Amino acid sequence: MLVHPLPDPVAISIGPLSVHWYGLMYLLAFVLFIMLGRIRLKQPHIMHQGWTVKNLDDMLFYGVLGVIIGGRLGEVFFYNPAYFFSHPLQIFAVWHGGMSYHGGFIGVIVAAWIWCRKNHKNIVATLDLIAPLIPLGYAAGRLGNFINAELPGRIADPSLPWAMIWPNVDMLPRHPSPLYQALVDGILMFIILWIYARKERPLGAVSAMYAFLYGSARFFTEYFRTPDYEVSFAGMTISAGQMLSLPMIVFGLLALYLIYANARRKNRF
């Protein structure tokens, strides 16, 4: 049976300055966005739309603010409002971890909308452009969660080869759920979405596919993660993460149906 190594969350210390692994994972996510974005700009159907490297770099600046502000506010309001309202200064301690994906998702959409308004761009086309650039960054964030020994998994069968004891939680074998989410919600989703987005798709289809894929992947991997809290819905118990992912699944499927139905009527796809 494996034991979580509980590494030092501080990667580098120089005098009073400390650089945390969690922060480095976010930096890696933004670097991946830049690298993948430059590859995506060279895809023929993207080149024809007139996007530039400057557009991408500008979007990243807005996106960083959206991820950090939205992610932190999502953590505060979606998962632990009582704690943060009792300890308001902890809202700003992002180096300790605690960023909500769904909050960051909303934050990025708001940031993209602001950028589009300023630059006279179509918001849906913009989201279609950047959607395939996000999943690997998400995977990096989940690695940061694992290094911080956050988001422990549910109790696992001790015979599971990769069952892991999290000493900061208890001495019971658990699923390493942040690694599951990095692999499924991040890497696997990236592969599927990247392949899908390599060809021209109807406007909005890539964004809708992103919503559907992430919502479905997250709903599945939440079964292995200790829930922040659970709610009863339609006679079954689901976690907070699953509850927040359901609208993404429904929206993604409905949007894909309507987008392709409209495209067929126009005989374009």
Protein backbone atom coordinates (compact mmCIF):
# COMPACT_ATOMS: atom_id res chain seq x y z
CA MET A 1 0.00 0.00 0.00
CA LEU A 2 1.24 3.48 -0.86
CA VAL A 3 1.64 6.35 1.58
CA HIS A 4 1.26 9.96 0.53
CA PRO A 5 4.77 11.49 0.79
CA LEU A 6 3.43 14.82 2.14
CA PRO A 7 6.12 16.88 0.39
CA ASP A 8 7.01 20.34 1.58
CA PRO A 9 4.49 22.66 -0.12
CA VAL A 10 7.26 25.24 -0.49
CA ALA A 11 9.32 24.52 -3.60
CA ILE A 12 11.91 27.28 -3.24
CA SER A 13 12.81 29.60 -0.37
CA ILE A 14 15.03 32.62 -0.87
CA GLY A 15 15.24 34.63 2.33
CA PRO A 16 11.70 35.72 3.24
CA LEU A 17 10.44 34.77 -0.22
CA SER A 18 8.77 31.38 -0.58
CA VAL A 19 7.58 29.88 -3.85
CA HIS A 20 4.94 27.20 -3.37
CA TRP A 21 4.48 24.16 -5.59
CA TYR A 22 0.82 25.10 -5.91
CA GLY A 23 1.78 28.42 -7.44
CA LEU A 24 4.27 26.75 -9.77
CA MET A 25 1.52 24.44 -11.04
CA TYR A 26 -0.56 27.46 -11.92
CA LEU A 27 2.45 28.97 -13.68
CA LEU A 28 2.82 25.71 -15.61
CA ALA A 29 -0.85 25.90 -16.58
CA PHE A 30 -0.38 29.36 -18.05
CA VAL A 31 2.79 28.29 -19.91
CA LEU A 32 0.88 25.35 -21.40
CA PHE A 33 -1.85 27.75 -22.51
CA ILE A 34 0.72 29.86 -24.36
CA MET A 35 2.46 26.86 -25.98
CA LEU A 36 -0.71 25.07 -27.04
CA GLY A 37 -2.24 28.34 -28.17
CA ARG A 38 0.56 28.94 -30.63
CA ILE A 39 0.04 25.47 -32.05
CA ARG A 40 -3.69 26.05 -32.31
CA LEU A 41 -3.20 29.35 -34.14
CA LYS A 42 -1.44 27.40 -36.92
CA GLN A 43 -4.41 25.11 -37.55
CA PRO A 44 -5.83 26.08 -40.99
CA HIS A 45 -9.40 26.75 -39.87
CA ILE A 46 -8.13 28.91 -37.00
CA MET A 47 -5.71 30.82 -39.23
CA HIS A 48 -8.61 31.72 -41.53
CA GLN A 49 -10.39 33.39 -38.61
CA GLY A 50 -7.59 35.93 -38.26
CA TRP A 51 -6.52 35.27 -34.68
CA THR A 52 -3.06 36.57 -33.69
CA VAL A 53 -0.47 35.75 -31.05
CA LYS A 54 -1.16 39.15 -29.50
CA ASN A 55 -4.85 38.22 -29.17
CA LEU A 56 -3.84 35.06 -27.33
CA ASP A 57 -1.40 36.83 -25.01
CA ASP A 58 -3.98 39.49 -24.17
CA MET A 59 -6.58 36.81 -23.46
CA LEU A 60 -4.16 35.06 -21.12
CA PHE A 61 -3.81 38.17 -18.97
CA TYR A 62 -7.59 38.45 -18.62
CA GLY A 63 -7.87 34.68 -18.15
CA VAL A 64 -5.35 34.65 -15.30
CA LEU A 65 -7.44 37.21 -13.44
CA GLY A 66 -10.61 35.25 -14.18
CA VAL A 67 -9.12 31.96 -12.96
CA ILE A 68 -7.68 33.38 -9.74
CA ILE A 69 -10.55 35.67 -8.76
CA GLY A 70 -13.31 33.33 -9.91
CA GLY A 71 -11.60 30.23 -8.57
CA ARG A 72 -11.10 31.71 -5.14
CA LEU A 73 -14.58 33.22 -4.91
CA GLY A 74 -16.01 29.89 -6.01
CA GLU A 75 -14.14 28.17 -3.18
CA VAL A 76 -15.51 30.74 -0.76
CA PHE A 77 -19.15 30.69 -1.86
CA PHE A 78 -19.61 27.14 -3.22
CA TYR A 79 -17.70 25.10 -0.68
CA ASN A 80 -16.82 26.78 2.61
CA PRO A 81 -18.56 30.13 3.15
CA ALA A 82 -18.88 29.74 6.92
CA TYR A 83 -15.12 29.28 7.39
CA PHE A 84 -14.05 32.11 5.10
CA PHE A 85 -16.58 34.56 6.48
CA SER A 86 -15.22 33.75 9.94
CA HIS A 87 -11.60 34.08 8.71
CA PRO A 88 -11.83 36.71 5.94
CA LEU A 89 -8.06 37.18 5.61
CA GLN A 90 -7.78 33.53 4.56
CA ILE A 91 -9.67 34.39 1.38
CA PHE A 92 -6.44 35.90 0.05
CA ALA A 93 -4.18 32.97 1.10
CA VAL A 94 -4.38 31.23 -2.28
CA TRP A 95 -0.92 29.68 -1.80
CA HIS A 96 -2.52 27.29 0.69
CA GLY A 97 -4.67 25.87 -2.10
CA GLY A 98 -8.41 25.96 -2.30
CA MET A 99 -9.51 27.03 -5.76
CA SER A 100 -12.89 26.02 -7.17
CA TYR A 101 -12.82 24.84 -10.77
CA HIS A 102 -16.43 25.87 -11.33
CA GLY A 103 -15.73 29.32 -9.92
CA GLY A 104 -12.70 29.62 -12.17
CA PHE A 105 -14.82 28.48 -15.12
CA ILE A 106 -17.29 31.29 -14.50
CA GLY A 107 -14.43 33.72 -13.95
CA VAL A 108 -12.86 32.85 -17.30
CA ILE A 109 -16.17 33.33 -19.13
CA VAL A 110 -16.61 36.75 -17.51
CA ALA A 111 -13.00 37.68 -18.32
CA ALA A 112 -13.43 36.51 -21.93
CA TRP A 113 -16.64 38.56 -22.24
CA ILE A 114 -14.83 41.68 -21.01
CA TRP A 115 -11.94 41.06 -23.43
CA CYS A 116 -14.33 40.52 -26.34
CA ARG A 117 -16.23 43.72 -25.57
CA LYS A 118 -12.97 45.65 -25.54
CA ASN A 119 -11.63 44.06 -28.73
CA HIS A 120 -14.90 43.69 -30.68
CA LYS A 121 -14.65 39.90 -30.90
CA ASN A 122 -17.35 37.23 -30.83
CA ILE A 123 -17.50 35.66 -27.36
CA VAL A 124 -18.52 32.22 -28.64
CA ALA A 125 -15.72 32.12 -31.25
CA THR A 126 -13.28 33.20 -28.55
CA LEU A 127 -14.36 30.41 -26.20
CA ASP A 128 -14.12 27.92 -29.07
CA LEU A 129 -10.54 29.05 -29.62
CA ILE A 130 -9.35 28.71 -26.03
CA ALA A 131 -11.38 25.70 -24.81
CA PRO A 132 -8.84 23.04 -25.96
CA LEU A 133 -6.04 24.97 -24.24
CA ILE A 134 -7.51 24.58 -20.75
CA PRO A 135 -7.60 20.86 -19.77
CA LEU A 136 -3.83 20.35 -19.42
CA GLY A 137 -3.66 23.42 -17.20
CA TYR A 138 -6.42 21.88 -15.10
CA ALA A 139 -4.32 18.71 -14.80
CA ALA A 140 -1.40 20.78 -13.53
CA GLY A 141 -3.67 22.32 -10.90
CA ARG A 142 -4.74 18.89 -9.69
CA LEU A 143 -1.08 17.91 -9.35
CA GLY A 144 -0.74 20.97 -7.13
CA ASN A 145 -3.65 19.69 -5.04
CA PHE A 146 -1.91 16.33 -4.70
CA ILE A 147 1.38 17.91 -3.62
CA ASN A 148 -0.54 19.92 -1.02
CA ALA A 149 -2.25 16.67 0.13
CA GLU A 150 -5.62 18.26 -0.63
CA LEU A 151 -8.82 16.63 -1.87
CA PRO A 152 -8.24 13.16 -0.36
CA GLY A 153 -10.11 10.30 -1.96
CA ARG A 154 -12.83 8.11 -0.54
CA ILE A 155 -11.82 5.00 1.38
CA ALA A 156 -10.53 2.32 -1.00
CA ASP A 157 -10.15 -1.44 -0.92
CA PRO A 158 -6.75 -2.16 0.68
CA SER A 159 -6.02 -4.64 -2.12
CA LEU A 160 -6.07 -1.83 -4.70
CA PRO A 161 -2.41 -1.52 -5.79
CA TRP A 162 -2.44 2.27 -5.74
CA ALA A 163 -4.59 2.71 -2.61
CA MET A 164 -2.87 5.40 -0.58
CA ILE A 165 -2.78 6.41 3.06
CA TRP A 166 -2.99 10.17 3.61
CA PRO A 167 -1.28 10.64 7.02
CA ASN A 168 -2.67 14.16 7.32
CA VAL A 169 -6.21 12.68 7.21
CA ASP A 170 -6.10 9.22 8.82
CA MET A 171 -4.42 5.83 8.37
CA LEU A 172 -7.08 4.37 6.07
CA PRO A 173 -6.39 3.45 2.42
CA ARG A 174 -7.85 6.01 0.06
CA HIS A 175 -8.15 6.69 -3.65
CA PRO A 176 -5.58 9.30 -4.83
CA SER A 177 -8.44 11.31 -6.31
CA PRO A 178 -6.44 14.39 -7.42
CA LEU A 179 -4.40 12.08 -9.66
CA TYR A 180 -7.58 10.52 -11.05
CA GLN A 181 -8.90 13.96 -11.88
CA ALA A 182 -5.60 15.05 -13.42
CA LEU A 183 -5.69 11.97 -15.67
CA VAL A 184 -9.40 11.83 -16.57
CA ASP A 185 -10.70 15.42 -16.24
CA GLY A 186 -7.40 16.80 -17.52
CA ILE A 187 -5.25 14.65 -19.80
CA LEU A 188 -7.93 12.36 -21.26
CA MET A 189 -10.28 15.27 -21.82
CA PHE A 190 -7.48 17.23 -23.50
CA ILE A 191 -6.81 14.41 -25.95
CA ILE A 192 -10.48 14.04 -26.93
CA LEU A 193 -11.16 17.78 -27.19
CA TRP A 194 -7.93 18.54 -29.05
CA ILE A 195 -8.70 15.91 -31.67
CA TYR A 196 -12.28 17.16 -31.97
CA ALA A 197 -11.19 20.79 -32.35
CA ARG A 198 -8.52 20.10 -35.01
CA LYS A 199 -11.22 20.30 -37.69
CA GLU A 200 -13.64 23.11 -38.36
CA ARG A 201 -16.79 22.78 -36.28
CA PRO A 202 -19.97 24.84 -36.15
CA LEU A 203 -19.74 27.99 -34.07
CA GLY A 204 -20.07 27.09 -30.38
CA ALA A 205 -19.59 23.34 -30.85
CA VAL A 206 -16.10 23.21 -29.32
CA SER A 207 -17.23 25.19 -26.27
CA ALA A 208 -20.30 22.99 -25.88
CA MET A 209 -18.18 19.85 -26.21
CA TYR A 210 -15.85 21.19 -23.53
CA ALA A 211 -18.76 21.73 -21.13
CA PHE A 212 -20.16 18.26 -21.79
CA LEU A 213 -16.81 16.45 -21.53
CA TYR A 214 -15.69 18.20 -18.37
CA GLY A 215 -19.06 17.88 -16.67
CA SER A 216 -19.19 14.16 -17.46
CA ALA A 217 -15.58 13.49 -16.45
CA ARG A 218 -15.91 15.43 -13.20
CA PHE A 219 -19.20 13.73 -12.34
CA PHE A 220 -17.45 10.35 -12.72
CA THR A 221 -14.24 11.15 -10.82
CA GLU A 222 -16.20 12.69 -7.94
CA TYR A 223 -17.22 9.14 -6.98
CA PHE A 224 -13.62 8.61 -5.83
CA ARG A 225 -13.14 11.91 -4.01
CA THR A 226 -14.20 12.66 -0.45
CA PRO A 227 -17.04 15.13 -1.00
CA ASP A 228 -16.88 18.61 0.43
CA TYR A 229 -20.57 18.06 1.16
CA GLU A 230 -23.39 16.04 -0.35
CA VAL A 231 -26.96 16.85 -1.33
CA SER A 232 -29.99 14.72 -2.14
CA PHE A 233 -31.33 15.12 -5.66
CA ALA A 234 -34.11 13.09 -7.29
CA GLY A 235 -33.79 10.38 -4.67
CA MET A 236 -30.01 9.99 -4.91
CA THR A 237 -27.10 11.53 -3.06
CA ILE A 238 -24.57 13.49 -5.07
CA SER A 239 -21.54 15.51 -4.07
CA ALA A 240 -21.15 19.26 -4.39
CA GLY A 241 -18.83 18.78 -7.38
CA GLN A 242 -21.39 16.57 -9.12
CA MET A 243 -24.18 19.03 -8.43
CA LEU A 244 -22.12 21.84 -9.99
CA SER A 245 -21.22 19.63 -12.97
CA LEU A 246 -24.76 18.60 -13.86
CA PRO A 247 -25.63 21.96 -15.47
CA MET A 248 -22.50 21.68 -17.62
CA ILE A 249 -23.56 18.22 -18.87
CA VAL A 250 -27.11 19.35 -19.64
CA PHE A 251 -25.99 22.60 -21.27
CA GLY A 252 -23.29 20.87 -23.32
CA LEU A 253 -25.63 18.20 -24.68
CA LEU A 254 -28.46 20.62 -25.43
CA ALA A 255 -26.11 23.14 -27.05
CA LEU A 256 -24.48 20.45 -29.23
CA TYR A 257 -27.88 19.23 -30.40
CA LEU A 258 -29.10 22.72 -31.28
CA ILE A 259 -25.81 23.76 -32.90
CA TYR A 260 -25.64 20.73 -35.18
CA ALA A 261 -29.36 20.85 -35.96
CA ASN A 262 -28.94 24.43 -37.07
CA ALA A 263 -25.83 23.55 -39.08
CA ARG A 264 -27.67 20.72 -40.85
CA ARG A 265 -30.45 23.07 -41.80
CA LYS A 266 -27.84 25.28 -43.42
CA ASN A 267 -26.19 22.20 -45.02
CA ARG A 268 -22.81 23.18 -43.69
CA PHE A 269 -21.84 20.11 -41.63
